[in-house]
Amino acid sequence: MSNSCRCILLHVRELSEHKKILECFSEELGRIALVINLNNQTVPDYFRLLTIQFVGGSGLKTLQNYQYSQAFISLSSQNQVIALYFNELLFYLTKQNDPHEWLLPFYLASLARLQNEQSVELLIREFEYELLCKIGYSINFDQDIEGCEICADSWYAFYPVSGFKLLNKKEQYSVNGAMIMQIKQKKWQESPNNQIIKYILTQQIQEVLGVRVLHSKALWPKKNSNIKGGK
């Protein structure tokens, strides 16, 4: 029996001479893997909403047909790299068959903003922040790792996944409590908050990724090296 859902293409893997595996993210099923036969079909576009028909159970599925449910989104070469970064985060930070109904609309809205906004730093931070929150890796900006409330006059070290640890004095890479409170309020464009939230989210993502490498990082211009990946 054929099934259908809406999804976006995240990644393509080789299977054989005439077959590839499409890693997709759908509203109803979360991340799914589909086999496409290149004798019958071409690989769909990235960064574009699809409606697909497929057969298969909980494991590898077979793509029968697809059609575009969204017009082509024109992105600059730099913004294509950022969109690829979004794809890789979804691919590595979500699990197969684990649905997040909010995530696909959020992704599509982020692409629409990426198409129209000239300054994308804030958009990248918001995507990272919201994704981490929704998949269970949110950062506690209210309390330190001992459960005490963040104090505006104190200094803290950030430990990925664990949270903020109170320090006796200011140290390298330490964060002031007042800045943590501003970051909680998403006042990220204010300097130096923009660099602090970038550092915090980068460290959190690297910890969750582990040894996985984001290929989009290698494509990002060094002068705009705000995309980080696992080492």
Protein backbone atom coordinates (compact mmCIF):
# COMPACT_ATOMS: atom_id res chain seq x y z
CA MET A 1 0.00 0.00 0.00
CA SER A 2 1.34 3.40 -0.97
CA ASN A 3 1.84 6.15 1.60
CA SER A 4 2.32 9.88 1.10
CA CYS A 5 3.70 12.81 3.07
CA ARG A 6 5.29 16.23 2.69
CA CYS A 7 9.05 16.50 3.17
CA ILE A 8 12.28 18.22 2.21
CA LEU A 9 15.48 16.59 0.97
CA LEU A 10 18.38 16.73 3.44
CA HIS A 11 21.08 14.47 2.01
CA VAL A 12 21.77 12.02 -0.84
CA ARG A 13 23.77 8.80 -0.42
CA GLU A 14 25.01 6.31 -3.01
CA LEU A 15 23.42 2.82 -2.97
CA SER A 16 24.28 1.35 -6.38
CA GLU A 17 24.91 2.41 -9.97
CA HIS A 18 21.27 3.25 -10.60
CA LYS A 19 19.97 3.82 -7.10
CA LYS A 20 20.50 6.41 -4.39
CA ILE A 21 19.20 6.87 -0.85
CA LEU A 22 17.41 10.13 -0.16
CA GLU A 23 17.50 11.26 3.45
CA CYS A 24 14.43 13.45 3.94
CA PHE A 25 12.59 15.16 6.77
CA SER A 26 8.81 14.97 6.86
CA GLU A 27 6.06 16.48 8.98
CA GLU A 28 4.35 13.23 9.90
CA LEU A 29 7.25 10.76 10.15
CA GLY A 30 10.31 12.84 11.00
CA ARG A 31 13.52 11.82 9.22
CA ILE A 32 13.02 9.03 6.65
CA ALA A 33 15.29 7.24 4.16
CA LEU A 34 14.00 6.54 0.65
CA VAL A 35 15.49 4.55 -2.23
CA ILE A 36 15.16 6.29 -5.59
CA ASN A 37 15.63 4.44 -8.90
CA LEU A 38 17.52 6.74 -11.27
CA ASN A 39 16.25 4.80 -14.29
CA ASN A 40 12.78 6.14 -13.59
CA GLN A 41 13.30 9.42 -11.75
CA THR A 42 15.75 12.22 -11.10
CA VAL A 43 16.89 13.32 -7.67
CA PRO A 44 14.66 16.20 -6.47
CA ASP A 45 15.92 19.68 -5.66
CA TYR A 46 17.24 20.65 -2.26
CA PHE A 47 15.57 23.45 -0.27
CA ARG A 48 12.14 22.75 -1.76
CA LEU A 49 8.97 21.25 -0.27
CA LEU A 50 8.00 17.90 -1.79
CA THR A 51 4.92 15.71 -1.69
CA ILE A 52 6.07 12.11 -2.03
CA GLN A 53 4.48 8.69 -2.50
CA PHE A 54 6.37 5.69 -1.14
CA VAL A 55 6.09 2.09 0.04
CA GLY A 56 7.85 0.42 2.93
CA GLY A 57 7.71 -0.06 6.68
CA SER A 58 9.70 1.53 9.49
CA GLY A 59 13.10 1.03 7.82
CA LEU A 60 14.31 1.89 4.33
CA LYS A 61 11.42 2.89 2.06
CA THR A 62 11.07 3.01 -1.73
CA LEU A 63 10.14 6.26 -3.44
CA GLN A 64 7.40 5.80 -6.02
CA ASN A 65 6.78 9.36 -7.08
CA TYR A 66 7.19 12.96 -6.00
CA GLN A 67 6.03 16.41 -6.98
CA TYR A 68 7.05 19.87 -5.89
CA SER A 69 4.66 21.58 -3.50
CA GLN A 70 6.57 24.84 -3.45
CA ALA A 71 8.07 27.16 -6.03
CA PHE A 72 11.84 27.17 -6.46
CA ILE A 73 13.59 29.35 -3.87
CA SER A 74 16.40 31.42 -5.34
CA LEU A 75 19.30 31.74 -2.89
CA SER A 76 22.69 33.36 -3.28
CA SER A 77 25.70 31.04 -3.19
CA GLN A 78 26.48 32.10 0.38
CA ASN A 79 22.90 31.55 1.51
CA GLN A 80 22.85 28.13 -0.15
CA VAL A 81 25.71 27.17 2.17
CA ILE A 82 23.69 28.39 5.15
CA ALA A 83 20.67 26.38 3.93
CA LEU A 84 22.96 23.35 3.58
CA TYR A 85 24.07 23.96 7.18
CA PHE A 86 20.40 23.89 8.25
CA ASN A 87 19.99 20.60 6.35
CA GLU A 88 22.98 19.03 8.05
CA LEU A 89 21.77 20.07 11.49
CA LEU A 90 18.42 18.42 10.80
CA PHE A 91 20.11 15.31 9.42
CA TYR A 92 22.51 14.81 12.32
CA LEU A 93 20.45 16.11 15.25
CA THR A 94 17.16 14.33 14.53
CA LYS A 95 16.37 10.62 14.62
CA GLN A 96 14.67 8.44 12.03
CA ASN A 97 10.90 8.10 12.42
CA ASP A 98 10.82 10.67 15.24
CA PRO A 99 8.28 13.29 14.13
CA HIS A 100 8.45 16.97 15.05
CA GLU A 101 5.42 18.54 13.40
CA TRP A 102 6.61 22.09 14.06
CA LEU A 103 10.03 21.55 12.45
CA LEU A 104 9.21 21.42 8.75
CA PRO A 105 7.19 24.69 8.77
CA PHE A 106 9.96 26.27 10.87
CA TYR A 107 12.59 25.15 8.34
CA LEU A 108 10.56 26.50 5.40
CA ALA A 109 9.99 29.81 7.17
CA SER A 110 13.74 30.07 7.83
CA LEU A 111 14.47 29.49 4.12
CA ALA A 112 11.99 32.21 3.18
CA ARG A 113 13.73 34.63 5.54
CA LEU A 114 17.10 33.53 4.19
CA GLN A 115 15.95 34.49 0.70
CA ASN A 116 14.99 38.01 1.73
CA GLU A 117 17.30 39.08 4.55
CA GLN A 118 20.72 40.59 3.93
CA SER A 119 22.00 40.08 7.49
CA VAL A 120 21.72 36.39 8.28
CA GLU A 121 23.68 36.11 11.55
CA LEU A 122 20.56 36.50 13.69
CA LEU A 123 18.65 34.02 11.53
CA ILE A 124 21.38 31.40 11.97
CA ARG A 125 21.39 31.89 15.74
CA GLU A 126 17.60 31.61 15.93
CA PHE A 127 17.61 28.41 13.86
CA GLU A 128 20.28 26.83 16.07
CA TYR A 129 18.58 27.95 19.28
CA GLU A 130 15.07 26.81 18.35
CA LEU A 131 16.26 23.48 16.96
CA LEU A 132 18.25 22.68 20.10
CA CYS A 133 15.27 23.58 22.29
CA LYS A 134 12.79 21.46 20.38
CA ILE A 135 14.92 18.30 20.21
CA GLY A 136 15.77 18.28 23.92
CA TYR A 137 19.09 20.14 24.12
CA SER A 138 17.86 23.50 25.39
CA ILE A 139 20.23 25.65 27.47
CA ASN A 140 19.19 26.72 30.97
CA PHE A 141 19.67 30.49 31.13
CA ASP A 142 17.84 30.76 34.48
CA GLN A 143 19.99 28.58 36.73
CA ASP A 144 23.58 27.35 36.96
CA ILE A 145 24.50 23.66 37.05
CA GLU A 146 24.03 23.63 40.86
CA GLY A 147 20.43 24.82 40.51
CA CYS A 148 21.09 28.36 41.77
CA GLU A 149 19.63 31.37 39.98
CA ILE A 150 21.96 33.20 37.62
CA CYS A 151 23.33 36.30 39.38
CA ALA A 152 23.88 39.44 37.29
CA ASP A 153 27.13 40.35 39.08
CA SER A 154 28.75 36.90 38.84
CA TRP A 155 30.86 35.21 36.17
CA TYR A 156 30.14 31.79 34.69
CA ALA A 157 31.81 29.20 32.49
CA PHE A 158 29.63 27.45 29.94
CA TYR A 159 29.82 23.65 29.76
CA PRO A 160 27.97 22.16 26.76
CA VAL A 161 24.87 20.11 27.70
CA SER A 162 25.56 20.69 31.43
CA GLY A 163 25.06 24.48 31.54
CA PHE A 164 26.66 27.44 33.34
CA LYS A 165 29.09 26.94 36.24
CA LEU A 166 29.66 29.71 38.78
CA LEU A 167 33.25 31.05 38.91
CA ASN A 168 35.10 32.89 41.66
CA LYS A 169 36.35 35.48 39.17
CA LYS A 170 36.37 36.39 35.52
CA GLU A 171 38.29 33.92 33.34
CA GLN A 172 38.92 33.38 29.64
CA TYR A 173 35.64 32.62 27.80
CA SER A 174 33.64 33.32 30.97
CA VAL A 175 30.24 35.00 30.69
CA ASN A 176 28.81 37.67 32.96
CA GLY A 177 25.46 36.87 34.57
CA ALA A 178 23.92 40.10 33.24
CA MET A 179 24.85 39.04 29.70
CA ILE A 180 23.27 35.61 30.26
CA MET A 181 20.05 37.34 31.26
CA GLN A 182 20.13 39.51 28.13
CA ILE A 183 20.78 36.45 25.96
CA LYS A 184 17.78 34.73 27.54
CA GLN A 185 15.70 37.71 26.34
CA LYS A 186 17.16 37.17 22.84
CA LYS A 187 18.97 40.49 22.76
CA TRP A 188 21.49 38.85 20.48
CA GLN A 189 22.28 41.73 18.17
CA GLU A 190 23.79 43.79 20.97
CA SER A 191 27.58 43.58 21.22
CA PRO A 192 29.13 41.51 22.78
CA ASN A 193 25.98 39.37 23.17
CA ASN A 194 26.12 38.41 19.49
CA GLN A 195 29.53 36.79 19.93
CA ILE A 196 28.59 35.17 23.25
CA ILE A 197 25.43 33.48 21.95
CA LYS A 198 27.39 32.36 18.89
CA TYR A 199 30.03 30.78 21.15
CA ILE A 200 27.45 29.12 23.42
CA LEU A 201 25.35 27.64 20.61
CA THR A 202 28.44 26.52 18.71
CA GLN A 203 29.77 24.68 21.76
CA GLN A 204 26.39 23.06 22.41
CA ILE A 205 26.06 21.88 18.82
CA GLN A 206 29.61 20.53 18.72
CA GLU A 207 28.97 18.51 21.88
CA VAL A 208 25.77 17.01 20.48
CA LEU A 209 27.36 16.26 17.10
CA GLY A 210 30.35 14.53 18.65
CA VAL A 211 32.80 13.42 15.95
CA ARG A 212 30.42 14.14 13.07
CA VAL A 213 31.73 16.70 10.59
CA LEU A 214 29.52 19.28 8.91
CA HIS A 215 30.65 19.60 5.28
CA SER A 216 28.98 23.01 4.99
CA LYS A 217 31.66 24.32 7.36
CA ALA A 218 34.34 23.74 4.71
CA LEU A 219 32.30 25.72 2.17
CA TRP A 220 31.82 28.74 4.41
CA PRO A 221 34.10 31.72 3.67
CA LYS A 222 36.72 32.13 6.39
CA LYS A 223 35.87 35.80 6.88
CA ASN A 224 32.31 34.73 7.73
CA SER A 225 33.20 31.60 9.69
CA ASN A 226 30.05 31.60 11.82
CA ILE A 227 29.20 28.05 10.80
CA LYS A 228 30.87 25.55 13.06
CA GLY A 229 30.81 21.79 13.07
CA GLY A 230 32.05 18.84 15.03
CA LYS A 231 35.76 18.19 14.98
